Amino acid sequence: MKQVYFLSDAHLGSLAIEHGRTQERRLVNFLDSIKHKASAIYLLGDMFDFWYEFRTVVPRGYTRFLGKLSELTDLGVEVHFFTGNHDIWCNDYLTRECGVTLHREPLTVEMHGKLFYLAHGDGLGDPDKKFKMLRMMFHSHTLQRMFSAIHPRWSVSWGLNWAKHSRLKRQDGKEPDYMGEAHEHLVLFAKEYLRYHPDVNYFIFGHRHIELDLLLSPTTRVLILGDWITQFSYAVFDGESLFYENYIEGETKP
């Protein structure tokens, strides 16, 4: 039986990541290593550090990654791309050119009798009013049209530098460590959601850049996927079990 893979948060193109080209190659090598083993790949957000599509223009770069996505879908692998808070502004380029399925909202999907709740995770359970306001602005169609009127020479550069500043203002450029079951917003969200949807077996999120595998009940787990900047972590579902792995260059064979 072919497997289903879940990963997130590569932040390709980040000006705050010194090894960006090596990082992209490593991600592409991993995707190449699983192309004959995967039935589906779920990319759960923030694969780009900043992505904005104009009507006839997309950001330069990412050719290795985009080419590999196209190869995967040409081979019949389902590739599901979730927008995160850094790559909200996807339109139809990835679907038309690369064949991916785009998701702008959380997705509940059944696989081999198991129910999965999948989302990037931004905005779920986070009470931060400043973040909520910023997220609302980024999702505003009016503000998006105004931003589209700026020449890409300036707007894309601004977006990349904004994302860089957002990362570097954190301590060591990293997200906070695991805050504990009582304070981790995505865990609290999953617990509340489970009260009204007890059939969910797996909650899988990105966004937080931490590796977490927590049992919420005898039949339910919540996973946070880490990242593809320093951890190179992912989850695999083989039809019966869901488990964590970390990609080490050269160890995974096609």
Protein backbone atom coordinates (compact mmCIF):
# COMPACT_ATOMS: atom_id res chain seq x y z
CA MET A 1 0.00 0.00 0.00
CA LYS A 2 1.31 3.46 -0.87
CA GLN A 3 1.78 6.01 1.90
CA VAL A 4 0.50 9.50 2.68
CA TYR A 5 3.00 12.18 3.71
CA PHE A 6 2.53 15.41 5.68
CA LEU A 7 5.01 18.28 5.98
CA SER A 8 5.01 22.05 6.37
CA ASP A 9 6.91 25.27 6.94
CA ALA A 10 9.82 25.27 4.51
CA HIS A 11 9.63 29.07 4.12
CA LEU A 12 11.43 28.83 0.80
CA GLY A 13 12.97 32.11 -0.31
CA SER A 14 13.38 33.48 3.20
CA LEU A 15 16.02 36.21 3.42
CA ALA A 16 16.63 35.07 7.00
CA ILE A 17 17.79 31.59 5.94
CA GLU A 18 21.42 31.57 4.83
CA HIS A 19 21.31 28.06 3.37
CA GLY A 20 18.19 28.67 1.25
CA ARG A 21 19.38 27.00 -1.97
CA THR A 22 20.69 23.96 -0.07
CA GLN A 23 17.43 23.82 1.87
CA GLU A 24 15.36 23.80 -1.34
CA ARG A 25 17.52 21.06 -2.85
CA ARG A 26 17.11 18.97 0.30
CA LEU A 27 13.33 19.32 0.15
CA VAL A 28 13.30 18.42 -3.54
CA ASN A 29 15.55 15.40 -2.91
CA PHE A 30 13.14 14.20 -0.25
CA LEU A 31 10.13 14.60 -2.54
CA ASP A 32 12.02 12.74 -5.25
CA SER A 33 12.80 9.90 -2.83
CA ILE A 34 9.10 9.30 -2.07
CA LYS A 35 7.60 9.88 -5.52
CA HIS A 36 7.03 6.16 -6.14
CA LYS A 37 5.91 5.42 -2.56
CA ALA A 38 3.37 8.22 -2.06
CA SER A 39 -0.28 8.18 -2.96
CA ALA A 40 -0.70 11.72 -1.59
CA ILE A 41 1.42 14.51 -0.12
CA TYR A 42 -0.09 17.20 2.09
CA LEU A 43 1.91 20.43 2.30
CA LEU A 44 0.37 22.15 5.32
CA GLY A 45 1.29 25.77 4.75
CA ASP A 46 4.14 28.27 4.66
CA MET A 47 6.07 26.35 2.05
CA PHE A 48 7.07 29.80 0.78
CA ASP A 49 8.22 32.61 3.05
CA PHE A 50 6.36 35.05 0.82
CA TRP A 51 4.29 34.28 -2.25
CA TYR A 52 2.12 36.76 -4.10
CA GLU A 53 0.57 36.11 -7.50
CA PHE A 54 -0.17 38.94 -9.85
CA ARG A 55 -2.39 38.22 -12.83
CA THR A 56 0.55 37.49 -15.16
CA VAL A 57 3.50 37.48 -12.75
CA VAL A 58 4.70 35.15 -10.00
CA PRO A 59 7.81 35.54 -7.80
CA ARG A 60 11.12 34.45 -9.33
CA GLY A 61 12.90 31.37 -8.05
CA TYR A 62 11.68 28.07 -6.56
CA THR A 63 12.13 26.35 -9.95
CA ARG A 64 13.40 23.08 -8.46
CA PHE A 65 10.50 22.86 -6.03
CA LEU A 66 7.84 23.83 -8.56
CA GLY A 67 9.26 21.42 -11.11
CA LYS A 68 9.18 18.58 -8.58
CA LEU A 69 5.55 19.34 -7.68
CA SER A 70 4.69 19.15 -11.38
CA GLU A 71 6.54 15.84 -11.75
CA LEU A 72 4.72 14.38 -8.76
CA THR A 73 1.27 15.29 -10.04
CA ASP A 74 2.20 14.08 -13.54
CA LEU A 75 3.00 10.71 -11.93
CA GLY A 76 -0.46 10.63 -10.39
CA VAL A 77 0.52 11.59 -6.84
CA GLU A 78 -2.07 13.82 -5.16
CA VAL A 79 -0.37 16.99 -3.91
CA HIS A 80 -2.44 19.12 -1.55
CA PHE A 81 -1.14 22.63 -0.90
CA PHE A 82 -2.52 24.51 2.12
CA THR A 83 -2.02 28.24 2.30
CA GLY A 84 -0.34 29.47 5.48
CA ASN A 85 0.08 32.92 6.92
CA HIS A 86 3.15 33.54 4.72
CA ASP A 87 1.74 32.26 1.42
CA ILE A 88 -1.90 33.32 1.72
CA TRP A 89 -1.90 34.99 -1.67
CA CYS A 90 -2.00 31.95 -3.94
CA ASN A 91 -4.43 32.12 -6.83
CA ASP A 92 -4.48 29.60 -9.67
CA TYR A 93 -0.82 29.34 -10.68
CA LEU A 94 0.02 26.28 -8.59
CA THR A 95 -3.17 24.50 -9.60
CA ARG A 96 -2.93 25.28 -13.33
CA GLU A 97 0.83 24.95 -13.78
CA CYS A 98 1.76 22.33 -11.16
CA GLY A 99 -1.47 20.37 -10.80
CA VAL A 100 -1.75 20.71 -7.02
CA THR A 101 -5.02 20.91 -5.11
CA LEU A 102 -5.20 24.20 -3.21
CA HIS A 103 -6.81 24.48 0.24
CA ARG A 104 -7.50 27.84 1.87
CA GLU A 105 -9.38 26.42 4.86
CA PRO A 106 -8.89 23.44 7.21
CA LEU A 107 -9.78 20.09 5.69
CA THR A 108 -11.39 17.05 7.27
CA VAL A 109 -10.71 13.92 5.24
CA GLU A 110 -11.11 10.18 5.80
CA MET A 111 -8.26 7.83 4.87
CA HIS A 112 -8.53 4.07 5.32
CA GLY A 113 -11.15 4.42 8.03
CA LYS A 114 -9.27 7.15 9.96
CA LEU A 115 -10.52 10.73 10.16
CA PHE A 116 -7.93 13.51 9.76
CA TYR A 117 -8.32 17.20 10.57
CA LEU A 118 -5.65 19.07 8.58
CA ALA A 119 -4.76 22.76 8.77
CA HIS A 120 -1.79 25.10 8.74
CA GLY A 121 -2.85 26.28 12.18
CA ASP A 122 -2.64 30.07 12.08
CA GLY A 123 -5.69 31.66 13.65
CA LEU A 124 -6.82 28.47 15.40
CA GLY A 125 -7.13 29.00 19.13
CA ASP A 126 -4.71 31.95 19.20
CA PRO A 127 -6.20 34.79 21.28
CA ASP A 128 -3.58 37.38 20.15
CA LYS A 129 -5.68 40.36 18.97
CA LYS A 130 -2.79 41.91 17.04
CA PHE A 131 -2.26 38.70 15.07
CA LYS A 132 -6.00 38.36 14.41
CA MET A 133 -6.14 41.92 13.06
CA LEU A 134 -3.10 41.34 10.85
CA ARG A 135 -4.57 38.08 9.56
CA MET A 136 -7.87 39.80 8.74
CA MET A 137 -5.99 42.50 6.82
CA PHE A 138 -3.99 39.93 4.85
CA HIS A 139 -7.22 38.15 3.86
CA SER A 140 -8.93 41.37 2.78
CA HIS A 141 -9.72 41.33 -0.95
CA THR A 142 -9.73 45.12 -1.00
CA LEU A 143 -6.22 45.35 0.45
CA GLN A 144 -5.05 42.59 -1.89
CA ARG A 145 -6.29 44.59 -4.90
CA MET A 146 -4.48 47.67 -3.61
CA PHE A 147 -1.27 45.68 -3.11
CA SER A 148 -1.59 44.25 -6.62
CA ALA A 149 -1.45 47.81 -8.00
CA ILE A 150 2.13 48.18 -6.74
CA HIS A 151 4.83 47.12 -9.19
CA PRO A 152 6.29 43.67 -8.30
CA ARG A 153 9.76 45.26 -8.20
CA TRP A 154 8.76 46.90 -4.93
CA SER A 155 5.92 44.77 -3.59
CA VAL A 156 7.69 41.41 -3.68
CA SER A 157 10.84 42.92 -2.17
CA TRP A 158 8.73 44.48 0.57
CA GLY A 159 7.02 41.16 1.27
CA LEU A 160 10.28 39.24 1.55
CA ASN A 161 11.80 41.84 3.84
CA TRP A 162 8.67 41.96 5.99
CA ALA A 163 8.84 38.17 6.40
CA LYS A 164 12.56 38.41 7.25
CA HIS A 165 11.89 41.05 9.90
CA SER A 166 9.05 38.96 11.33
CA ARG A 167 11.40 36.01 11.81
CA LEU A 168 14.44 37.88 13.10
CA LYS A 169 12.51 39.77 15.77
CA ARG A 170 11.94 36.44 17.56
CA GLN A 171 14.59 35.16 19.92
CA ASP A 172 17.24 33.34 17.84
CA GLY A 173 14.86 33.71 14.87
CA LYS A 174 12.78 30.77 16.13
CA GLU A 175 9.26 30.16 17.35
CA PRO A 176 8.87 29.68 21.12
CA ASP A 177 9.47 26.17 22.43
CA TYR A 178 6.56 23.93 23.36
CA MET A 179 4.49 25.84 25.91
CA GLY A 180 2.81 22.85 27.52
CA GLU A 181 -0.52 21.17 27.00
CA ALA A 182 -2.40 23.83 28.95
CA HIS A 183 -0.98 26.75 26.96
CA GLU A 184 -0.32 25.48 23.42
CA HIS A 185 -3.04 27.11 21.30
CA LEU A 186 -3.31 24.36 18.69
CA VAL A 187 -3.62 21.70 21.38
CA LEU A 188 -6.35 23.70 23.11
CA PHE A 189 -8.13 24.16 19.77
CA ALA A 190 -7.95 20.42 19.06
CA LYS A 191 -9.35 19.56 22.48
CA GLU A 192 -12.27 21.95 22.05
CA TYR A 193 -12.98 20.75 18.50
CA LEU A 194 -12.87 17.13 19.68
CA ARG A 195 -15.70 17.79 22.15
CA TYR A 196 -18.11 18.26 19.23
CA HIS A 197 -16.36 16.02 16.68
CA PRO A 198 -15.29 12.95 18.68
CA ASP A 199 -14.67 10.85 15.55
CA VAL A 200 -11.48 12.73 14.59
CA ASN A 201 -8.46 10.43 14.94
CA TYR A 202 -5.66 12.78 13.94
CA PHE A 203 -5.21 16.54 14.12
CA ILE A 204 -2.20 17.58 12.04
CA PHE A 205 -0.91 21.17 12.03
CA GLY A 206 2.07 23.18 10.90
CA HIS A 207 2.73 26.81 11.83
CA ARG A 208 4.44 26.39 15.20
CA HIS A 209 7.78 24.94 14.02
CA ILE A 210 7.85 22.44 16.88
CA GLU A 211 7.70 18.65 16.72
CA LEU A 212 4.80 17.42 18.83
CA ASP A 213 2.96 14.11 18.99
CA LEU A 214 0.40 14.19 21.80
CA LEU A 215 -2.30 11.69 22.72
CA LEU A 216 -5.59 13.46 23.44
CA SER A 217 -7.68 10.32 23.94
CA PRO A 218 -7.30 6.58 23.36
CA THR A 219 -8.27 7.16 19.71
CA THR A 220 -7.05 10.71 19.00
CA ARG A 221 -3.61 12.30 18.54
CA VAL A 222 -2.50 15.80 17.68
CA LEU A 223 0.68 16.32 15.67
CA ILE A 224 2.57 19.53 14.94
CA LEU A 225 4.95 18.94 12.07
CA GLY A 226 8.09 20.88 12.94
CA ASP A 227 9.66 22.55 9.90
CA TRP A 228 11.89 22.15 6.85
CA ILE A 229 14.42 24.77 7.95
CA THR A 230 16.35 22.95 10.66
CA GLN A 231 14.29 19.88 11.61
CA PHE A 232 13.34 18.42 8.20
CA SER A 233 10.49 16.53 9.87
CA TYR A 234 7.37 14.95 8.43
CA ALA A 235 4.61 12.48 9.26
CA VAL A 236 3.72 9.33 7.34
CA PHE A 237 0.46 7.38 7.30
CA ASP A 238 0.74 3.83 5.97
CA GLY A 239 -2.97 3.01 6.09
CA GLU A 240 -2.81 1.70 9.64
CA SER A 241 -0.38 3.83 11.67
CA LEU A 242 0.80 7.42 11.69
CA PHE A 243 4.41 8.08 12.64
CA TYR A 244 7.04 10.82 12.68
CA GLU A 245 10.29 10.82 10.75
CA ASN A 246 13.15 13.22 10.06
CA TYR A 247 14.74 13.28 6.64
CA ILE A 248 18.48 12.61 6.61
CA GLU A 249 20.09 13.16 3.24
CA GLY A 250 20.93 9.87 1.56
CA GLU A 251 19.10 7.59 4.00
CA THR A 252 15.74 7.52 2.23
CA LYS A 253 15.89 5.46 -0.95
CA PRO A 254 13.52 5.82 -3.92
